N, C-alpha and C. Protein backbone atom coordinates (compact mmCIF):
# COMPACT_ATOMS: atom_id res chain seq x y z
N UNK A 1 126.23 102.29 72.80
CA UNK A 1 125.86 103.37 72.69
C UNK A 1 124.67 103.86 73.49
N UNK A 2 123.75 102.94 73.96
CA UNK A 2 122.80 103.08 74.69
C UNK A 2 123.20 103.24 76.38
N UNK A 3 124.20 102.47 76.59
CA UNK A 3 124.77 102.56 77.96
C UNK A 3 125.47 103.87 78.14
N UNK A 4 126.32 104.31 77.14
CA UNK A 4 126.65 105.74 77.16
C UNK A 4 125.90 106.69 77.30
N UNK A 5 124.68 106.78 76.66
CA UNK A 5 123.51 107.65 76.65
C UNK A 5 122.84 107.77 78.11
N UNK A 6 122.63 106.38 78.74
CA UNK A 6 122.16 106.40 80.10
C UNK A 6 122.95 107.01 81.04
N UNK A 7 124.46 106.80 80.87
CA UNK A 7 125.23 107.50 81.97
C UNK A 7 125.42 108.87 81.82
N UNK A 8 125.36 109.41 80.41
CA UNK A 8 125.16 110.91 80.31
C UNK A 8 124.08 111.53 80.87
N UNK A 9 122.96 110.75 80.68
CA UNK A 9 121.56 111.22 81.19
C UNK A 9 121.52 111.17 82.67
N UNK A 10 122.10 110.24 83.31
CA UNK A 10 122.27 110.13 84.77
C UNK A 10 123.11 111.25 85.24
N UNK A 11 124.11 111.40 84.64
CA UNK A 11 125.15 112.38 85.11
C UNK A 11 124.58 113.88 85.02
N UNK A 12 123.94 114.09 84.03
CA UNK A 12 123.22 115.38 83.76
C UNK A 12 122.30 115.57 84.87
N UNK A 13 121.44 114.50 85.11
CA UNK A 13 120.28 114.69 86.11
C UNK A 13 120.97 114.88 87.52
N UNK A 14 122.14 114.19 87.95
CA UNK A 14 122.69 114.58 89.05
C UNK A 14 123.12 115.93 89.24
N UNK A 15 123.86 116.44 88.25
CA UNK A 15 124.23 117.78 88.05
C UNK A 15 123.29 118.75 88.31
N UNK A 16 122.07 118.70 87.58
CA UNK A 16 121.08 119.47 87.91
C UNK A 16 120.46 119.53 89.19
N UNK A 17 120.46 118.21 89.73
CA UNK A 17 119.91 118.06 91.30
C UNK A 17 120.76 118.94 92.03
N UNK A 18 121.99 118.78 91.97
CA UNK A 18 122.95 119.33 92.92
C UNK A 18 122.80 121.10 92.92
N UNK A 19 122.67 121.58 91.62
CA UNK A 19 122.33 122.89 91.08
C UNK A 19 121.17 123.34 91.70
N UNK A 20 120.15 122.55 91.58
CA UNK A 20 118.94 122.91 92.01
C UNK A 20 118.94 123.18 93.79
N UNK A 21 119.75 122.18 94.41
CA UNK A 21 119.71 122.17 95.88
C UNK A 21 120.61 123.42 96.30
N UNK A 22 121.61 123.71 95.77
CA UNK A 22 122.29 124.80 95.84
C UNK A 22 121.63 126.16 95.82
N UNK A 23 120.96 126.22 94.61
CA UNK A 23 120.12 127.55 94.39
C UNK A 23 118.94 127.60 95.45
N UNK A 24 118.20 126.33 95.99
CA UNK A 24 117.24 126.40 96.94
C UNK A 24 117.85 126.96 98.32
N UNK A 25 119.18 126.32 98.74
CA UNK A 25 119.65 126.91 99.85
C UNK A 25 119.98 128.44 99.85
N UNK A 26 120.45 128.90 98.57
CA UNK A 26 120.59 130.46 98.55
C UNK A 26 119.36 131.20 98.78
N UNK A 27 118.14 130.61 98.18
CA UNK A 27 117.13 131.32 98.34
C UNK A 27 116.56 131.26 99.82
N UNK A 28 116.43 130.17 100.42
CA UNK A 28 116.16 130.04 101.87
C UNK A 28 116.05 128.73 102.36
N UNK A 29 116.30 128.60 103.73
CA UNK A 29 116.31 127.11 104.19
C UNK A 29 115.07 126.54 103.95
N UNK A 30 113.96 127.31 104.20
CA UNK A 30 112.60 126.82 104.18
C UNK A 30 112.28 126.18 102.70
N UNK A 31 112.83 127.00 101.73
CA UNK A 31 112.64 126.39 100.27
C UNK A 31 113.34 125.19 99.96
N UNK A 32 114.55 125.14 100.57
CA UNK A 32 115.34 123.97 100.45
C UNK A 32 114.61 122.78 100.91
N UNK A 33 114.11 122.95 102.30
CA UNK A 33 113.22 121.90 102.80
C UNK A 33 112.15 121.51 102.02
N UNK A 34 111.25 122.46 101.60
CA UNK A 34 110.40 121.86 100.37
C UNK A 34 110.83 121.12 99.15
N UNK A 35 111.87 121.71 98.72
CA UNK A 35 112.43 120.99 97.45
C UNK A 35 112.94 119.39 97.87
N UNK A 36 113.44 119.28 98.85
CA UNK A 36 113.94 117.84 99.46
C UNK A 36 112.50 117.09 99.61
N UNK A 37 111.48 117.82 100.29
CA UNK A 37 110.26 116.94 100.59
C UNK A 37 109.64 116.90 99.33
N UNK A 38 109.66 117.61 98.20
CA UNK A 38 109.03 117.37 97.22
C UNK A 38 109.72 116.12 96.22
N UNK A 39 111.21 116.36 96.22
CA UNK A 39 111.92 115.16 95.65
C UNK A 39 111.40 113.74 96.51
N UNK A 40 111.42 113.69 97.53
CA UNK A 40 111.16 112.45 98.28
C UNK A 40 109.80 111.87 98.06
N UNK A 41 108.80 112.95 98.01
CA UNK A 41 107.46 112.54 97.83
C UNK A 41 107.18 112.06 96.36
N UNK A 42 107.77 112.80 95.44
CA UNK A 42 107.45 112.53 93.77
C UNK A 42 108.30 111.23 93.70
N UNK A 43 109.35 110.78 93.98
CA UNK A 43 110.10 109.80 93.94
C UNK A 43 109.49 108.47 94.68
N UNK A 44 108.77 108.79 95.85
CA UNK A 44 107.98 107.85 96.52
C UNK A 44 106.82 107.36 95.53
N UNK A 45 106.12 108.49 95.11
CA UNK A 45 104.95 108.11 94.42
C UNK A 45 105.41 107.41 93.01
N UNK A 46 106.40 107.59 92.40
CA UNK A 46 107.04 106.89 91.07
C UNK A 46 107.24 105.42 91.62
N UNK A 47 107.65 105.21 92.78
CA UNK A 47 108.21 103.73 93.01
C UNK A 47 107.03 103.12 93.75
N UNK A 48 106.21 103.67 94.56
CA UNK A 48 105.28 102.87 95.36
C UNK A 48 103.74 103.47 95.22
N UNK A 49 103.66 104.71 95.44
CA UNK A 49 102.21 105.09 95.95
C UNK A 49 101.33 105.13 94.60
N UNK A 50 101.87 105.18 93.22
CA UNK A 50 101.11 105.38 92.17
C UNK A 50 100.55 103.99 91.87
N UNK A 51 100.77 102.97 92.68
CA UNK A 51 100.24 101.63 92.44
C UNK A 51 98.89 101.42 93.71
N UNK A 52 98.84 102.34 94.39
CA UNK A 52 97.84 102.11 95.54
C UNK A 52 96.57 103.09 95.35
N UNK A 53 95.64 102.51 95.20
CA UNK A 53 94.20 102.94 95.10
C UNK A 53 93.94 104.05 96.03
N UNK A 54 93.38 105.34 95.52
CA UNK A 54 93.12 106.57 96.31
C UNK A 54 94.37 107.26 96.87
N UNK A 55 95.30 106.43 97.33
CA UNK A 55 96.57 107.10 97.70
C UNK A 55 97.26 107.81 96.86
N UNK A 56 97.27 107.37 95.41
CA UNK A 56 98.06 107.96 94.45
C UNK A 56 97.34 109.36 94.28
N UNK A 57 96.06 109.38 94.38
CA UNK A 57 95.41 110.57 93.77
C UNK A 57 95.73 111.70 94.87
N UNK A 58 95.64 111.32 96.34
CA UNK A 58 95.96 112.03 97.40
C UNK A 58 97.43 112.67 97.38
N UNK A 59 98.41 111.77 97.01
CA UNK A 59 99.83 112.22 96.88
C UNK A 59 100.00 113.07 95.76
N UNK A 60 99.22 112.85 94.63
CA UNK A 60 99.28 113.83 93.50
C UNK A 60 99.04 115.24 93.81
N UNK A 61 97.83 115.25 94.52
CA UNK A 61 97.35 116.75 94.86
C UNK A 61 98.23 117.11 96.18
N UNK A 62 98.84 116.35 96.87
CA UNK A 62 99.94 116.97 97.83
C UNK A 62 100.92 117.37 97.11
N UNK A 63 101.51 116.95 96.00
CA UNK A 63 102.59 117.27 95.31
C UNK A 63 102.27 118.70 94.61
N UNK A 64 101.07 118.97 94.17
CA UNK A 64 100.59 120.18 93.55
C UNK A 64 100.60 121.20 94.76
N UNK A 65 100.06 120.98 95.94
CA UNK A 65 99.97 121.79 97.11
C UNK A 65 101.20 122.19 97.66
N UNK A 66 102.33 121.25 97.69
CA UNK A 66 103.72 121.63 97.93
C UNK A 66 104.21 122.71 96.93
N UNK A 67 103.96 122.66 95.59
CA UNK A 67 104.60 123.75 94.81
C UNK A 67 103.93 124.91 95.19
N UNK A 68 102.54 125.21 95.66
CA UNK A 68 102.04 126.37 95.88
C UNK A 68 102.65 126.70 97.27
N UNK A 69 102.92 126.20 98.25
CA UNK A 69 103.51 126.37 99.43
C UNK A 69 104.96 126.97 99.14
N UNK A 70 105.79 126.19 98.33
CA UNK A 70 107.17 126.54 97.95
C UNK A 70 106.98 128.14 97.26
N UNK A 71 106.35 128.11 96.50
CA UNK A 71 106.12 129.43 95.81
C UNK A 71 105.77 130.63 96.85
N UNK A 72 104.85 130.35 97.73
CA UNK A 72 104.58 131.49 98.80
C UNK A 72 105.76 131.58 99.43
N UNK A 73 106.64 130.64 99.87
CA UNK A 73 107.94 130.80 100.69
C UNK A 73 108.90 131.72 99.96
N UNK A 74 109.00 131.34 98.62
CA UNK A 74 109.87 132.20 97.83
C UNK A 74 109.59 133.61 97.84
N UNK A 75 108.20 133.92 97.58
CA UNK A 75 107.85 135.11 97.30
C UNK A 75 107.46 136.01 98.58
N UNK A 76 107.61 135.13 99.72
CA UNK A 76 107.47 135.74 101.08
C UNK A 76 105.94 136.22 101.28
N UNK A 77 105.10 135.34 100.67
CA UNK A 77 103.55 135.53 100.85
C UNK A 77 103.02 134.69 101.92
N UNK A 78 102.15 135.40 102.81
CA UNK A 78 101.52 134.45 103.95
C UNK A 78 100.53 133.51 103.26
N UNK A 79 100.74 132.45 103.82
CA UNK A 79 100.12 131.13 103.14
C UNK A 79 98.78 131.09 103.71
N UNK A 80 97.77 130.94 102.88
CA UNK A 80 96.41 131.11 103.17
C UNK A 80 95.89 129.69 103.09
N UNK A 81 95.15 129.21 104.27
CA UNK A 81 94.74 127.91 104.35
C UNK A 81 93.54 127.87 103.74
N UNK A 82 92.87 128.81 103.42
CA UNK A 82 91.70 128.72 102.47
C UNK A 82 92.00 128.16 101.09
N UNK A 83 93.15 128.88 100.58
CA UNK A 83 93.82 128.70 99.35
C UNK A 83 93.93 127.16 99.18
N UNK A 84 94.86 126.73 100.38
CA UNK A 84 95.38 125.15 100.40
C UNK A 84 94.27 124.34 100.41
N UNK A 85 93.20 124.34 101.21
CA UNK A 85 92.15 123.59 101.05
C UNK A 85 91.34 123.60 99.78
N UNK A 86 91.18 124.91 99.37
CA UNK A 86 90.32 124.77 98.20
C UNK A 86 91.23 124.21 96.95
N UNK A 87 92.52 124.48 96.66
CA UNK A 87 93.34 123.74 95.99
C UNK A 87 93.36 122.23 95.99
N UNK A 88 93.48 121.88 97.28
CA UNK A 88 93.70 120.42 97.44
C UNK A 88 92.35 119.68 96.89
N UNK A 89 91.26 120.26 97.28
CA UNK A 89 90.14 119.79 96.70
C UNK A 89 89.92 119.58 95.15
N UNK A 90 90.50 120.75 94.63
CA UNK A 90 90.39 120.84 93.08
C UNK A 90 91.37 119.97 92.42
N UNK A 91 92.50 119.69 93.07
CA UNK A 91 93.46 118.71 92.56
C UNK A 91 93.05 117.52 92.79
N UNK A 92 92.35 116.97 94.00
CA UNK A 92 91.77 115.76 94.13
C UNK A 92 90.82 115.43 93.02
N UNK A 93 89.97 116.40 92.64
CA UNK A 93 89.06 116.11 91.59
C UNK A 93 89.62 115.92 90.28
N UNK A 94 90.59 116.67 89.91
CA UNK A 94 91.25 116.69 88.71
C UNK A 94 92.00 115.26 88.49
N UNK A 95 92.62 114.68 89.67
CA UNK A 95 93.25 113.62 89.89
C UNK A 95 92.50 112.33 89.61
N UNK A 96 91.46 112.59 90.00
CA UNK A 96 90.30 111.57 89.84
C UNK A 96 89.69 111.60 88.37
N UNK A 97 89.63 112.63 87.82
CA UNK A 97 89.20 112.76 86.43
C UNK A 97 90.32 111.96 85.65
N UNK A 98 91.44 112.17 86.09
CA UNK A 98 92.61 111.67 85.01
C UNK A 98 92.53 110.04 85.06
N UNK A 99 92.34 109.48 86.36
CA UNK A 99 91.94 108.03 86.48
C UNK A 99 90.91 107.63 85.52
N UNK A 100 89.69 108.35 85.89
CA UNK A 100 88.39 107.87 85.08
C UNK A 100 88.71 108.04 83.77
N UNK A 101 89.36 109.02 83.00
CA UNK A 101 89.59 108.89 81.70
C UNK A 101 90.55 107.89 81.26
N UNK A 102 91.64 107.46 82.10
CA UNK A 102 92.32 106.31 81.69
C UNK A 102 91.58 105.06 81.77
N UNK A 103 90.83 105.02 82.65
CA UNK A 103 89.92 103.81 82.68
C UNK A 103 88.94 103.37 81.59
N UNK A 104 88.46 104.68 80.95
CA UNK A 104 87.50 104.72 80.02
C UNK A 104 88.31 104.18 78.72
N UNK A 105 89.63 104.69 78.78
CA UNK A 105 90.29 104.16 77.26
C UNK A 105 90.46 102.70 77.57
N UNK A 106 90.85 102.36 78.75
CA UNK A 106 90.93 100.75 78.93
C UNK A 106 89.91 100.06 78.64
N UNK A 107 88.70 100.53 78.87
CA UNK A 107 87.50 99.67 78.65
C UNK A 107 87.24 99.85 77.02
N UNK A 108 87.66 100.95 76.29
CA UNK A 108 87.41 100.95 75.04
C UNK A 108 88.37 99.81 74.43
N UNK A 109 89.69 99.98 74.78
CA UNK A 109 90.69 98.87 74.39
C UNK A 109 90.34 97.49 74.64
N UNK A 110 89.68 97.19 75.79
CA UNK A 110 89.24 95.89 75.98
C UNK A 110 88.06 95.32 75.11
N UNK A 111 87.20 96.39 74.79
CA UNK A 111 86.11 95.97 73.86
C UNK A 111 86.73 95.72 72.35
N UNK A 112 87.50 96.50 71.99
CA UNK A 112 88.22 96.25 70.62
C UNK A 112 89.00 94.98 70.68
N UNK A 113 89.87 94.54 71.75
CA UNK A 113 90.34 93.43 71.71
C UNK A 113 89.34 92.08 71.82
N UNK A 114 88.34 92.36 72.41
CA UNK A 114 87.30 91.08 72.33
C UNK A 114 86.80 91.05 71.06
N UNK A 115 86.83 91.94 70.27
CA UNK A 115 86.17 91.79 68.78
C UNK A 115 87.23 90.81 68.16
N UNK A 116 88.70 91.13 68.36
CA UNK A 116 89.60 90.30 67.92
C UNK A 116 89.81 88.90 68.59
N UNK A 117 88.85 88.71 69.51
CA UNK A 117 89.21 87.38 70.19
C UNK A 117 90.34 87.11 71.07
N UNK A 118 90.88 88.28 71.64
CA UNK A 118 92.14 88.18 72.21
C UNK A 118 91.95 88.58 73.71
N UNK A 119 92.62 88.38 74.64
CA UNK A 119 92.49 88.78 76.16
C UNK A 119 93.41 89.76 76.57
N UNK A 120 93.05 90.65 77.44
CA UNK A 120 93.67 91.82 78.19
C UNK A 120 93.33 91.93 79.51
N UNK A 121 94.24 92.57 80.20
CA UNK A 121 93.78 92.78 81.59
C UNK A 121 92.76 93.86 81.81
N UNK A 122 92.24 93.99 82.79
CA UNK A 122 91.26 94.75 83.31
C UNK A 122 91.66 96.19 83.98
N UNK A 123 92.94 96.24 84.23
CA UNK A 123 93.54 97.29 85.01
C UNK A 123 94.35 98.27 84.12
N UNK A 124 94.74 99.20 84.80
CA UNK A 124 95.80 100.30 84.16
C UNK A 124 97.11 99.84 84.46
N UNK A 125 97.87 99.64 83.38
CA UNK A 125 99.29 99.44 83.72
C UNK A 125 99.91 100.24 84.70
N UNK A 126 100.47 99.47 85.88
CA UNK A 126 101.31 100.36 86.89
C UNK A 126 100.39 101.13 87.93
N UNK A 127 99.26 100.79 87.88
CA UNK A 127 98.21 101.30 88.58
C UNK A 127 97.42 100.38 89.40
N UNK A 128 96.62 100.99 90.43
CA UNK A 128 95.96 99.73 91.25
C UNK A 128 94.33 99.69 90.81
N UNK A 129 94.10 100.38 89.87
CA UNK A 129 92.67 100.56 89.45
C UNK A 129 92.30 99.54 88.48
N UNK A 130 90.94 99.13 88.33
CA UNK A 130 90.43 98.06 87.34
C UNK A 130 89.37 98.85 86.93
N UNK A 131 88.72 98.31 85.72
CA UNK A 131 87.48 98.68 85.04
C UNK A 131 86.26 98.82 85.93
N UNK A 132 86.40 97.79 86.96
CA UNK A 132 85.15 97.76 87.87
C UNK A 132 85.08 99.14 88.74
N UNK A 133 86.08 99.79 88.89
CA UNK A 133 86.18 101.13 89.58
C UNK A 133 85.69 102.11 89.03
N UNK A 134 85.30 102.06 87.76
CA UNK A 134 84.94 103.34 86.92
C UNK A 134 83.73 104.10 87.51
N UNK A 135 82.89 103.38 88.02
CA UNK A 135 81.44 104.14 88.79
C UNK A 135 81.74 104.59 89.99
N UNK A 136 82.88 104.21 90.67
CA UNK A 136 83.33 104.70 92.22
C UNK A 136 84.00 105.89 91.81
N UNK A 137 84.72 106.16 90.71
CA UNK A 137 85.55 107.59 90.72
C UNK A 137 84.47 108.68 90.17
N UNK A 138 83.41 108.46 89.77
CA UNK A 138 82.54 109.56 89.34
C UNK A 138 81.99 110.27 90.55
N UNK A 139 81.59 109.65 91.73
CA UNK A 139 81.09 110.56 92.86
C UNK A 139 82.33 111.01 93.67
N UNK A 140 83.48 110.30 93.63
CA UNK A 140 84.53 110.85 94.38
C UNK A 140 85.05 112.10 93.82
N UNK A 141 84.95 112.24 92.38
CA UNK A 141 85.72 113.22 91.50
C UNK A 141 84.58 114.39 91.74
N UNK A 142 83.22 114.12 91.59
CA UNK A 142 82.28 115.11 91.57
C UNK A 142 82.18 115.78 93.06
N UNK A 143 82.20 114.95 94.19
CA UNK A 143 82.19 115.42 95.60
C UNK A 143 83.42 116.33 95.92
N UNK A 144 84.40 116.07 95.36
CA UNK A 144 85.58 116.75 95.90
C UNK A 144 85.50 118.13 95.04
N UNK A 145 85.25 118.04 93.86
CA UNK A 145 85.03 119.29 93.24
C UNK A 145 83.76 120.35 93.61
N UNK A 146 82.69 119.72 94.05
CA UNK A 146 81.54 120.44 94.62
C UNK A 146 82.08 121.17 96.07
N UNK A 147 82.83 120.07 96.63
CA UNK A 147 83.63 120.61 98.05
C UNK A 147 84.44 121.82 97.97
N UNK A 148 85.04 121.90 96.96
CA UNK A 148 85.93 123.04 96.61
C UNK A 148 85.17 124.27 96.37
N UNK A 149 84.09 124.16 95.42
CA UNK A 149 83.03 125.05 95.31
C UNK A 149 82.70 125.79 96.68
N UNK A 150 82.29 124.84 97.60
CA UNK A 150 81.56 125.32 98.74
C UNK A 150 82.72 125.93 99.56
N UNK A 151 83.86 125.52 99.68
CA UNK A 151 84.82 126.15 100.40
C UNK A 151 85.20 127.66 99.92
N UNK A 152 85.20 127.87 98.68
CA UNK A 152 85.34 128.91 97.90
C UNK A 152 84.30 130.03 98.42
N UNK A 153 82.95 129.54 98.46
CA UNK A 153 81.76 130.67 98.83
C UNK A 153 81.94 130.79 100.30
N UNK A 154 82.54 129.81 101.08
CA UNK A 154 82.68 130.44 102.60
C UNK A 154 83.69 131.34 102.69
N UNK A 155 84.79 131.00 101.86
CA UNK A 155 85.91 132.10 101.94
C UNK A 155 85.55 133.60 101.42
N UNK A 156 84.66 133.59 100.27
CA UNK A 156 84.17 134.85 99.80
C UNK A 156 83.33 135.76 100.85
N UNK A 157 82.76 134.99 101.85
CA UNK A 157 81.88 135.54 102.83
C UNK A 157 82.90 135.78 104.21
N UNK A 158 84.07 135.44 104.08
CA UNK A 158 84.79 135.43 105.40
C UNK A 158 85.31 136.97 105.72
N UNK A 159 85.82 137.11 106.84
CA UNK A 159 86.38 138.66 107.27
C UNK A 159 87.87 138.69 106.59
N UNK A 160 88.35 137.53 106.26
CA UNK A 160 89.68 137.69 105.62
C UNK A 160 89.71 138.24 104.22
N UNK A 161 88.57 137.73 103.49
CA UNK A 161 88.28 138.17 102.18
C UNK A 161 88.07 139.97 102.26
N UNK A 162 87.26 140.43 102.99
CA UNK A 162 87.14 141.90 103.24
C UNK A 162 88.39 142.64 103.49
N UNK A 163 89.41 142.14 104.08
CA UNK A 163 90.69 142.87 104.50
C UNK A 163 91.47 142.81 103.15
N UNK A 164 91.35 141.59 102.28
CA UNK A 164 92.32 141.73 101.34
C UNK A 164 91.87 142.11 99.95
N UNK A 165 90.58 142.14 99.60
CA UNK A 165 89.88 142.58 98.52
C UNK A 165 89.06 143.67 98.70
N UNK A 166 89.23 144.71 97.60
CA UNK A 166 88.49 145.97 97.64
C UNK A 166 86.80 145.67 97.01
N UNK A 167 86.73 144.73 96.34
CA UNK A 167 85.40 144.35 95.78
C UNK A 167 85.26 142.87 95.92
N UNK A 168 85.16 142.25 97.00
CA UNK A 168 85.09 140.91 97.23
C UNK A 168 83.85 140.08 96.39
N UNK A 169 82.73 141.05 96.36
CA UNK A 169 81.62 140.51 95.93
C UNK A 169 81.74 139.98 94.53
N UNK A 170 82.83 140.64 93.67
CA UNK A 170 82.90 140.08 92.30
C UNK A 170 83.60 138.75 92.48
N UNK A 171 83.96 138.15 93.44
CA UNK A 171 84.54 136.93 93.35
C UNK A 171 83.35 135.79 93.36
N UNK A 172 82.09 136.09 93.54
CA UNK A 172 80.99 135.22 93.30
C UNK A 172 80.90 134.78 91.87
N UNK A 173 81.22 135.67 91.10
CA UNK A 173 81.36 135.40 89.59
C UNK A 173 82.51 134.35 89.29
N UNK A 174 83.62 134.45 90.04
CA UNK A 174 84.75 133.51 90.14
C UNK A 174 84.31 132.07 90.44
N UNK A 175 83.57 132.05 91.46
CA UNK A 175 83.01 130.74 92.04
C UNK A 175 82.03 130.01 90.96
N UNK A 176 81.08 130.98 90.30
CA UNK A 176 80.20 130.30 89.18
C UNK A 176 81.13 129.61 87.81
N UNK A 177 82.15 130.66 87.67
CA UNK A 177 82.86 130.14 86.49
C UNK A 177 83.62 128.98 86.93
N UNK A 178 84.15 128.70 88.00
CA UNK A 178 84.74 127.59 88.70
C UNK A 178 83.90 126.38 88.66
N UNK A 179 82.75 126.61 89.09
CA UNK A 179 81.57 125.47 89.16
C UNK A 179 81.24 125.02 87.81
N UNK A 180 81.34 125.98 86.62
CA UNK A 180 81.12 125.64 85.24
C UNK A 180 82.20 124.83 84.66
N UNK A 181 83.53 125.25 85.19
CA UNK A 181 84.91 124.94 84.34
C UNK A 181 85.21 123.42 84.83
N UNK A 182 84.92 123.29 85.95
CA UNK A 182 85.26 121.85 86.42
C UNK A 182 84.16 120.79 86.15
N UNK A 183 82.97 121.23 86.32
CA UNK A 183 81.95 120.53 86.02
C UNK A 183 81.67 120.22 84.45
N UNK A 184 82.20 121.00 83.58
CA UNK A 184 82.10 120.70 82.13
C UNK A 184 82.98 119.69 81.79
N UNK A 185 84.33 119.75 82.47
CA UNK A 185 85.17 118.76 82.17
C UNK A 185 84.67 117.23 82.39
N UNK A 186 84.09 117.34 83.59
CA UNK A 186 83.50 116.09 84.07
C UNK A 186 82.32 115.66 82.83
N UNK A 187 81.63 116.37 82.51
CA UNK A 187 80.53 116.18 81.48
C UNK A 187 81.21 115.61 80.17
N UNK A 188 82.15 116.34 79.91
CA UNK A 188 82.88 115.73 78.54
C UNK A 188 83.71 114.51 78.79
N UNK A 189 84.20 114.21 79.89
CA UNK A 189 84.81 112.86 80.19
C UNK A 189 83.77 111.76 80.37
N UNK A 190 82.74 112.24 81.00
CA UNK A 190 81.54 111.11 81.04
C UNK A 190 81.02 110.87 79.74
N UNK A 191 81.05 111.67 78.75
CA UNK A 191 80.39 111.41 77.28
C UNK A 191 81.63 110.60 76.53
N UNK A 192 82.82 110.64 77.10
CA UNK A 192 83.90 109.84 76.34
C UNK A 192 84.56 110.64 75.31
N UNK A 193 84.37 111.98 75.46
CA UNK A 193 84.96 112.96 74.59
C UNK A 193 86.29 113.45 75.05
N UNK A 194 86.88 113.18 76.24
CA UNK A 194 88.20 113.69 76.65
C UNK A 194 89.25 112.49 76.36
N UNK A 195 89.82 112.93 75.08
CA UNK A 195 90.65 112.10 74.53
C UNK A 195 92.06 112.26 75.12
N UNK A 196 92.52 113.25 75.65
CA UNK A 196 93.82 113.68 76.35
C UNK A 196 93.87 113.78 77.75
N UNK A 197 94.92 113.62 78.34
CA UNK A 197 95.13 113.90 79.77
C UNK A 197 94.34 115.23 80.14
N UNK A 198 93.58 115.29 81.24
CA UNK A 198 92.90 116.36 81.74
C UNK A 198 93.70 117.68 81.64
N UNK A 199 94.82 117.66 81.98
CA UNK A 199 95.71 118.93 81.96
C UNK A 199 95.88 119.40 80.45
N UNK A 200 96.16 118.44 79.63
CA UNK A 200 96.42 118.65 78.08
C UNK A 200 95.05 119.21 77.51
N UNK A 201 93.97 118.70 77.99
CA UNK A 201 92.69 118.97 77.42
C UNK A 201 92.42 120.35 77.73
N UNK A 202 92.67 120.78 79.12
CA UNK A 202 92.58 122.09 79.55
C UNK A 202 93.39 123.20 78.76
N UNK A 203 94.62 122.83 78.31
CA UNK A 203 95.45 123.74 77.82
C UNK A 203 95.02 124.05 76.27
N UNK A 204 94.48 122.86 75.76
CA UNK A 204 94.30 122.72 74.29
C UNK A 204 92.85 123.54 73.98
N UNK A 205 92.02 123.53 75.22
CA UNK A 205 90.63 123.71 74.91
C UNK A 205 90.46 125.33 75.01
N UNK A 206 89.75 125.90 74.04
CA UNK A 206 89.69 127.51 74.09
C UNK A 206 88.58 127.90 75.20
N UNK A 207 87.70 127.15 75.35
CA UNK A 207 86.61 127.37 76.41
C UNK A 207 87.18 127.51 77.73
N UNK A 208 88.11 126.39 78.14
CA UNK A 208 88.74 126.24 79.40
C UNK A 208 89.77 127.55 79.47
N UNK A 209 90.55 128.07 78.58
CA UNK A 209 91.36 128.99 78.60
C UNK A 209 90.67 130.42 78.67
N UNK A 210 89.55 130.57 78.08
CA UNK A 210 88.63 131.72 78.24
C UNK A 210 88.15 131.98 79.84
N UNK A 211 87.88 130.80 80.47
CA UNK A 211 87.45 130.80 81.71
C UNK A 211 88.54 131.10 82.71
N UNK A 212 89.71 130.65 82.36
CA UNK A 212 90.94 131.03 83.07
C UNK A 212 91.10 132.51 82.96
N UNK A 213 91.12 132.92 81.86
CA UNK A 213 91.34 134.49 81.67
C UNK A 213 90.29 135.36 82.44
N UNK A 214 89.05 134.94 82.15
CA UNK A 214 87.95 135.48 83.04
C UNK A 214 88.15 135.56 84.52
N UNK A 215 88.60 134.32 85.02
CA UNK A 215 88.86 134.31 86.52
C UNK A 215 89.96 135.17 86.90
N UNK A 216 91.01 135.16 86.14
CA UNK A 216 92.23 136.09 86.51
C UNK A 216 91.81 137.72 86.34
N UNK A 217 91.00 138.07 85.23
CA UNK A 217 90.66 139.45 85.41
C UNK A 217 89.72 139.80 86.62
N UNK A 218 88.83 138.97 86.75
CA UNK A 218 87.84 139.20 87.90
C UNK A 218 88.67 139.39 89.23
N UNK A 219 89.67 138.42 89.37
CA UNK A 219 90.61 138.51 90.80
C UNK A 219 91.20 139.82 90.87
N UNK A 220 91.75 140.09 89.56
CA UNK A 220 92.43 141.52 89.69
C UNK A 220 91.66 142.67 90.08
N UNK A 221 90.46 142.73 89.37
CA UNK A 221 89.58 143.81 89.52
C UNK A 221 89.06 143.82 91.02
N UNK A 222 88.64 142.60 91.39
CA UNK A 222 88.23 142.53 92.69
C UNK A 222 89.15 143.08 93.68
N UNK A 223 90.41 142.68 93.42
CA UNK A 223 91.51 143.07 94.44
C UNK A 223 91.80 144.64 94.36
N UNK A 224 92.00 145.20 93.16
CA UNK A 224 92.39 146.73 93.25
C UNK A 224 91.25 147.56 93.27
N UNK A 225 89.90 147.20 92.55
CA UNK A 225 88.96 148.13 92.30
C UNK A 225 87.75 147.93 93.52
């Protein structure tokens, strides 16, 4: 029964992959290229890169960036390198936050196991990190998050912003909200209160969702008014 289920699952996955490729070709050659690139990169991540310290976070951020670029290609929107730079730094910070939370859970598990006088490894299963890396992840995650905020501030004052937004000054409030939003997630994680994956935490947390709504409203108002 298990072998039959695996065969059915593999066949379904192959069929969906072929259908996705056909749809991508119909959309555009560029989109098909990004689909293939994304597939190769995400497969390489699962097989190799996720076990390499820092490379795993960089590849994760690159996968998110690929989605943004592919979306721009589909919608025929000019790619903003400001957006890509800002997004890459944000995703680096969130990827680092994810590893930080995983290591925190590992440390807590080790402490519980020691009480029972049994042994456990000090690393994350399938990853290249150990509990000794916890203190190194904090400055990495905070610096990339601050870097993204600085990039956003430079963008707000650029000539490109004036061309695309009617009231670009409103985006200073977006910068403040971003500064609070990502920073607050790091505070929560540092205090050991982020029990879920950071993405799940974001989706479940009302405060994060309110910040997202405020950012969206401000961006729309800044663009049209």
